[in-house]
Protein backbone atom coordinates (compact mmCIF):
# COMPACT_ATOMS: atom_id res chain seq x y z
CA MET A 1 0.00 0.00 0.00
CA THR A 2 1.31 3.43 -0.89
CA TRP A 3 0.62 6.42 1.30
CA ALA A 4 2.69 8.88 -0.72
CA MET A 5 1.51 11.47 -3.21
CA ASP A 6 2.51 10.87 -6.84
CA ALA A 7 6.17 11.86 -6.98
CA SER A 8 6.24 11.75 -10.80
CA ILE A 9 4.51 15.13 -10.93
CA ASP A 10 6.47 18.29 -10.22
CA GLU A 11 6.05 19.75 -6.74
CA GLY A 12 3.91 22.86 -6.57
CA PRO A 13 0.37 23.85 -7.54
CA GLN A 14 0.19 21.27 -10.34
CA ARG A 15 1.16 18.21 -8.30
CA ALA A 16 -1.24 15.31 -8.61
CA ILE A 17 -3.25 14.40 -5.55
CA ASP A 18 -3.73 10.74 -4.80
CA VAL A 19 -7.39 10.73 -3.83
CA VAL A 20 -7.23 7.34 -2.13
CA ALA A 21 -4.30 8.42 0.02
CA ALA A 22 -6.30 11.55 0.90
CA ALA A 23 -9.26 9.37 1.94
CA GLN A 24 -7.09 7.13 4.10
CA LEU A 25 -5.32 10.12 5.61
CA ALA A 26 -8.71 11.68 6.40
CA CYS A 27 -9.66 8.51 8.29
CA LEU A 28 -6.41 8.54 10.26
CA LEU A 29 -6.59 12.23 11.13
CA GLU A 30 -10.21 11.91 12.23
CA ALA A 31 -9.49 8.87 14.42
CA THR A 32 -6.36 10.45 15.95
CA ALA A 33 -7.96 13.74 17.02
CA PRO A 34 -9.28 13.56 20.62
CA LYS A 35 -12.92 14.23 19.77
CA PRO A 36 -15.16 14.09 22.86
CA GLY A 37 -17.05 10.83 23.20
CA ASN A 38 -15.02 9.05 20.51
CA VAL A 39 -12.11 6.64 20.21
CA SER A 40 -8.65 8.20 19.91
CA PRO A 41 -5.16 7.13 21.02
CA GLY A 42 -5.41 6.01 24.66
CA ARG A 43 -9.22 6.24 24.70
CA ARG A 44 -11.25 3.25 23.59
CA PHE A 45 -14.73 1.78 23.63
CA HIS A 46 -15.39 -1.63 25.17
CA ASP A 47 -15.45 -3.23 21.71
CA ALA A 48 -13.01 -1.08 19.70
CA GLY A 49 -9.75 0.78 20.14
CA TYR A 50 -7.69 3.21 18.11
CA GLU A 51 -5.89 0.34 16.40
CA ASP A 52 -9.20 -0.85 14.92
CA PHE A 53 -9.71 2.50 13.24
CA VAL A 54 -6.14 2.48 11.93
CA ALA A 55 -6.75 -0.99 10.48
CA SER A 56 -10.01 0.23 8.95
CA ALA A 57 -8.25 3.14 7.25
CA ALA A 58 -5.74 0.73 5.74
CA ALA A 59 -8.41 -1.79 4.70
CA ILE A 60 -10.46 0.55 2.52
CA GLY A 61 -7.50 1.52 0.34
CA ALA A 62 -7.68 -1.36 -2.13
CA PRO A 63 -11.44 -1.13 -2.81
CA LEU A 64 -11.30 2.64 -3.21
CA ARG A 65 -8.43 2.44 -5.70
CA HIS A 66 -10.84 0.85 -8.18
CA VAL A 67 -13.82 3.12 -7.54
CA SER A 68 -13.72 4.54 -11.08
CA GLU A 69 -13.96 1.04 -12.55
CA ARG A 70 -16.85 -0.21 -10.41
CA PRO A 71 -20.38 0.84 -9.52
CA LEU A 72 -20.63 2.96 -6.38
CA GLY A 73 -22.62 0.42 -4.38
CA LEU A 74 -20.22 -2.42 -5.11
CA THR A 75 -17.25 -0.34 -3.98
CA ILE A 76 -19.05 0.50 -0.73
CA LYS A 77 -19.79 -3.18 -0.12
CA LEU A 78 -16.22 -4.24 -0.86
CA ALA A 79 -14.82 -1.54 1.46
CA VAL A 80 -17.06 -2.66 4.32
CA GLU A 81 -16.18 -6.33 3.72
CA ALA A 82 -12.47 -5.46 3.67
CA THR A 83 -12.87 -3.65 6.97
CA ARG A 84 -14.60 -6.59 8.60
CA ARG A 85 -11.67 -8.83 7.75
CA TRP A 86 -9.61 -6.65 10.10
CA THR A 87 -12.12 -5.59 12.74
CA SER A 88 -14.90 -7.34 14.63
CA THR A 89 -17.16 -4.32 15.05
CA ASN A 90 -18.57 -1.50 12.94
CA THR A 91 -15.83 1.11 12.79
CA ASN A 92 -16.46 2.91 9.52
CA LEU A 93 -19.79 2.22 7.79
CA GLY A 94 -20.76 5.90 7.86
CA ILE A 95 -17.30 6.95 6.75
CA VAL A 96 -17.35 4.50 3.82
CA LEU A 97 -20.82 5.70 2.79
CA LEU A 98 -19.56 9.29 2.72
CA LEU A 99 -16.04 8.85 1.38
CA THR A 100 -16.78 6.46 -1.48
CA PRO A 101 -18.89 8.86 -3.58
CA LEU A 102 -16.49 11.69 -2.73
CA VAL A 103 -13.51 9.64 -3.90
CA LYS A 104 -15.37 8.59 -7.05
CA ALA A 105 -16.23 12.23 -7.78
CA ALA A 106 -12.66 13.39 -7.12
CA ALA A 107 -11.28 10.70 -9.42
CA GLU A 108 -13.53 11.94 -12.21
CA VAL A 109 -12.75 15.67 -11.98
CA GLY A 110 -10.58 16.85 -14.86
CA ASP A 111 -7.15 15.30 -15.17
CA LYS A 112 -6.75 15.13 -11.38
CA ALA A 113 -3.68 17.39 -11.51
CA GLY A 114 -3.43 19.79 -8.61
CA PRO A 115 -5.95 20.60 -5.87
CA ILE A 116 -9.63 20.04 -6.61
CA ASP A 117 -11.87 23.04 -5.97
CA SER A 118 -14.74 22.20 -3.63
CA ARG A 119 -17.32 23.54 -6.08
CA ALA A 120 -16.00 21.29 -8.85
CA LEU A 121 -15.89 18.36 -6.45
CA ARG A 122 -19.47 18.92 -5.32
CA SER A 123 -20.67 19.26 -8.90
CA ALA A 124 -19.03 15.95 -9.81
CA LEU A 125 -20.45 14.40 -6.65
CA ALA A 126 -23.98 15.41 -7.66
CA GLU A 127 -23.48 13.56 -10.96
CA VAL A 128 -22.17 10.46 -9.18
CA LEU A 129 -25.16 10.38 -6.85
CA ALA A 130 -27.68 11.07 -9.63
CA ALA A 131 -26.37 8.05 -11.54
CA THR A 132 -27.04 5.52 -8.75
CA THR A 133 -29.22 2.51 -9.53
CA VAL A 134 -31.24 -0.21 -7.84
CA ALA A 135 -28.14 -2.40 -8.06
CA ASP A 136 -26.24 0.20 -6.01
CA THR A 137 -28.97 0.09 -3.38
CA ARG A 138 -28.77 -3.71 -3.26
CA GLU A 139 -25.01 -3.63 -2.67
CA VAL A 140 -25.24 -0.88 -0.05
CA TYR A 141 -27.96 -2.78 1.81
CA ALA A 142 -25.65 -5.80 1.86
CA ALA A 143 -22.86 -3.60 3.20
CA ILE A 144 -25.11 -2.28 5.97
CA ARG A 145 -26.11 -5.80 6.96
CA THR A 146 -22.41 -6.79 7.05
CA ALA A 147 -21.50 -3.83 9.26
CA THR A 148 -24.47 -4.44 11.58
CA PRO A 149 -24.73 -0.88 12.94
CA GLY A 150 -26.45 -0.54 16.30
CA GLY A 151 -29.91 0.98 16.67
CA LEU A 152 -30.79 0.63 12.99
CA GLY A 153 -34.43 -0.38 13.50
CA ASN A 154 -36.92 -1.08 10.72
CA ALA A 155 -38.18 1.10 7.91
CA PRO A 156 -41.74 1.00 6.50
CA GLU A 157 -40.39 1.27 2.94
CA GLN A 158 -37.17 -0.03 1.37
CA ASP A 159 -35.96 -1.63 4.59
CA VAL A 160 -32.33 -2.80 4.46
CA MET A 161 -33.42 -6.37 5.20
CA ASP A 162 -35.62 -6.44 2.08
CA GLU A 163 -34.90 -6.51 -1.65
CA PRO A 164 -34.76 -2.87 -2.83
CA THR A 165 -36.75 -1.59 -5.79
CA THR A 166 -35.41 1.95 -6.10
CA SER A 167 -32.15 3.80 -6.73
CA LEU A 168 -29.74 4.48 -3.89
CA VAL A 169 -30.51 8.19 -3.75
CA ALA A 170 -34.25 7.48 -3.77
CA ALA A 171 -33.79 5.01 -0.92
CA MET A 172 -31.74 7.58 0.99
CA GLN A 173 -34.53 10.11 0.46
CA LEU A 174 -36.88 7.84 2.41
CA ALA A 175 -34.42 7.79 5.34
CA ALA A 176 -33.31 11.43 5.17
CA HIS A 177 -35.66 12.60 7.92
CA ARG A 178 -34.07 10.26 10.45
CA ASP A 179 -30.45 9.87 9.26
CA THR A 180 -27.99 12.65 8.47
CA ILE A 181 -25.83 10.52 6.18
CA ALA A 182 -28.89 9.63 4.12
CA ARG A 183 -29.73 13.35 4.02
CA GLU A 184 -26.24 14.07 2.69
CA TYR A 185 -26.93 11.80 -0.27
CA VAL A 186 -30.04 13.76 -1.26
CA THR A 187 -28.47 17.21 -0.74
CA SER A 188 -25.12 16.60 -2.45
CA PHE A 189 -23.48 16.56 0.99
CA ASP A 190 -24.78 19.92 2.16
CA VAL A 191 -23.53 19.62 5.75
CA THR A 192 -20.09 18.48 4.61
CA PHE A 193 -19.62 21.30 2.11
CA THR A 194 -21.35 24.20 3.89
CA ALA A 195 -20.58 23.49 7.56
CA GLY A 196 -17.85 20.90 8.11
CA ALA A 197 -15.24 21.73 5.46
CA PRO A 198 -15.51 25.51 5.94
CA ALA A 199 -15.13 25.14 9.72
CA LEU A 200 -12.04 23.01 9.28
CA GLU A 201 -10.55 25.40 6.73
CA ARG A 202 -11.09 28.36 9.08
CA ALA A 203 -9.50 26.53 11.97
CA ARG A 204 -6.44 25.56 9.94
CA HIS A 205 -6.14 29.07 8.51
CA ASP A 206 -6.20 30.41 12.08
CA GLY A 207 -3.16 28.27 12.85
CA LEU A 208 -4.75 25.42 14.79
CA ASP A 209 -2.95 22.11 14.44
CA TRP A 210 -4.81 19.19 12.90
CA ASP A 211 -6.00 17.72 16.21
CA ASP A 212 -7.46 21.00 17.49
CA ALA A 213 -8.89 21.96 14.11
CA ILE A 214 -10.62 18.60 13.81
CA VAL A 215 -12.02 18.76 17.34
CA GLU A 216 -13.37 22.25 16.63
CA THR A 217 -14.94 21.03 13.38
CA PHE A 218 -16.47 18.06 15.15
CA LEU A 219 -17.98 20.29 17.85
CA THR A 220 -19.33 22.60 15.17
CA LEU A 221 -21.06 19.67 13.46
CA VAL A 222 -22.44 18.26 16.71
CA ALA A 223 -23.85 21.69 17.53
CA ALA A 224 -25.25 22.25 14.03
CA THR A 225 -27.65 19.30 13.82
CA PRO A 226 -28.81 16.57 16.23
CA ASP A 227 -26.48 13.60 15.86
CA THR A 228 -28.57 10.78 14.43
CA HIS A 229 -26.30 8.08 15.87
CA ILE A 230 -27.19 9.37 19.33
CA ALA A 231 -30.84 9.76 18.35
CA ARG A 232 -31.06 6.10 17.30
CA ARG A 233 -29.51 4.87 20.53
CA ALA A 234 -30.63 7.34 23.19
CA GLY A 235 -33.43 9.35 21.58
CA LEU A 236 -33.76 12.70 19.86
CA ASP A 237 -33.89 14.67 23.10
CA ALA A 238 -30.49 13.26 24.09
CA ALA A 239 -29.05 14.23 20.69
CA ILE A 240 -30.40 17.76 21.03
CA GLU A 241 -28.92 18.08 24.52
CA VAL A 242 -25.50 16.90 23.35
CA GLY A 243 -25.67 19.48 20.59
CA ARG A 244 -26.44 22.16 23.16
CA GLN A 245 -23.45 21.09 25.25
CA ALA A 246 -21.18 21.21 22.20
CA ARG A 247 -22.39 24.73 21.42
CA SER A 248 -21.73 25.77 25.02
CA ALA A 249 -18.18 24.46 24.78
CA LEU A 250 -17.62 26.42 21.58
CA ASP A 251 -19.14 29.56 23.10
CA VAL A 252 -16.47 29.62 25.81
CA GLY A 253 -13.67 29.12 23.31
CA GLY A 254 -13.59 25.37 22.63
CA VAL A 255 -10.03 24.25 21.91
CA ARG A 256 -8.94 27.90 21.76
CA SER A 257 -9.24 28.69 25.50
CA GLY A 258 -8.63 27.11 28.86
CA ALA A 259 -12.29 27.34 29.80
CA GLY A 260 -13.26 25.85 26.48
CA ARG A 261 -10.88 22.92 26.85
CA GLN A 262 -12.29 22.25 30.29
CA ALA A 263 -15.80 22.28 28.82
CA VAL A 264 -14.70 19.85 26.10
CA ALA A 265 -13.22 17.51 28.74
CA THR A 266 -16.44 17.67 30.74
CA LEU A 267 -18.44 16.86 27.62
CA ASP A 268 -16.15 13.93 26.87
CA ARG A 269 -16.74 12.42 30.32
CA ALA A 270 -20.50 12.85 29.97
CA LEU A 271 -20.60 11.22 26.55
CA ARG A 272 -18.69 8.17 27.74
CA GLN A 273 -21.36 7.22 30.25
CA ASP A 274 -24.23 4.82 29.50
CA SER A 275 -22.13 2.43 27.36
CA ASN A 276 -21.36 5.09 24.74
CA THR A 277 -25.00 5.49 23.71
CA ARG A 278 -24.27 9.23 23.45
CA ASN A 279 -21.32 8.86 21.10
CA PRO A 280 -21.76 11.44 18.29
CA GLY A 281 -20.74 8.91 15.66
CA THR A 282 -22.53 10.54 12.74
CA SER A 283 -20.79 13.84 13.44
CA ALA A 284 -17.46 11.98 13.48
CA ASP A 285 -18.28 10.51 10.04
CA LEU A 286 -19.14 13.97 8.70
CA THR A 287 -15.88 15.27 10.17
CA CYS A 288 -13.96 12.65 8.20
CA ALA A 289 -15.72 13.66 4.98
CA SER A 290 -14.91 17.30 5.71
CA ILE A 291 -11.23 16.46 6.20
CA PHE A 292 -11.18 14.71 2.83
CA VAL A 293 -12.69 17.76 1.09
CA LEU A 294 -10.02 19.99 2.61
CA LEU A 295 -7.18 17.59 1.79
CA ILE A 296 -8.26 17.11 -1.81
CA GLY A 297 -8.44 20.88 -2.15
CA GLY A 298 -4.79 21.24 -1.17
CA GLY A 299 -5.30 21.60 2.56
CA TRP A 300 -2.37 19.41 3.52
CA ARG A 301 0.12 21.89 2.05
CA ALA A 302 -1.88 25.07 2.63
CA ALA A 303 -0.81 25.32 6.28
CA GLU A 304 2.83 25.55 5.18
CA ARG A 305 2.01 28.72 3.26
CA ILE A 306 0.34 30.46 6.20
CA ARG A 307 2.55 29.17 9.02
CA PRO A 308 4.52 32.01 10.68
């Protein structure tokens, strides 16, 4: 597996960006940042540790490398199956659902030389999503059953345990009112492009290191919309309350002040109670997608240009 950018292209604004490496790096950066209520180095859940998320980032590389040659749904299924060969629990279903169409879109933008503008990426993403089929839905449903996410429940139409009869985006439309990732599919990733990626870009431009910038982005996303992973496990009221606590932490400075860091630590302790039923997992997935958008737009090197 190669983690390096393509060295055959001259350094500078025209260097090629390896979109798969960017996706894997996004996974690693997201897992490494000490986001409250989530796994990070030295902080684990009862069924998963940081090493599981590292393994998951490595596992999705091979399936994603062939995303341009395969249907979207099949790539998602293969990425989830590859992950399960290395982990025994669901570590990245939401991340795979978000990253796979983003990687496919990025691979199809122009000649892939140089950073990819977020507007061009989102336009290509809209085309990728519009082209989904019933076969994509079938493969994604199989991926979801393989990952066995907690708190999934049953749906009155197009349930994941049944044979689908509609395109993937149409199926996501039916779930959009109760699942933020499904809502991303029907809005061309509105939260990712209008909330997550801009928050991360601002934080990096302000000089925050990756860990702090990612934590700030995560808090921004938790505060912006009730986390549907929490809502499925602990109820909508719990998700709304966690969002309020995240906003309170940001209001006193978040990672940028002593009081804010104390508020983040308090939030982390609260979220780790009740067997992690208040883990903002959907917001973590959206954070990973936001990191990818920034990386593919040249964000890995941008900090070098603004660093004092």
